[in-house]
Amino acid sequence: MRQIEYRVLPDGECWQVRRDGEMVSRHETRADAVAAGRLAARGEKPSRLHIQDAPPPGRPRS
């Protein structure tokens, strides 16, 4: 069985939750996005959640 991959990523001033590369939700805070990602990942097994930190202020994301 293939593992579903969820990611929490910064998106400008917001945060995205992506499922296998496709955006499923957008949130104002990292904490809200992490909570949504965890809930989604727990509901679909097997799955994995990756959480990306925001870049330091003034530095572009790479």
Foldseek 3Di string as FASTA:
>chain_A
DDAWEWEWADDVQWIFIDIPRHTDDIGRDLVVRVVVNVVVCVVDPPYDYYYDDDDDPPDDDD
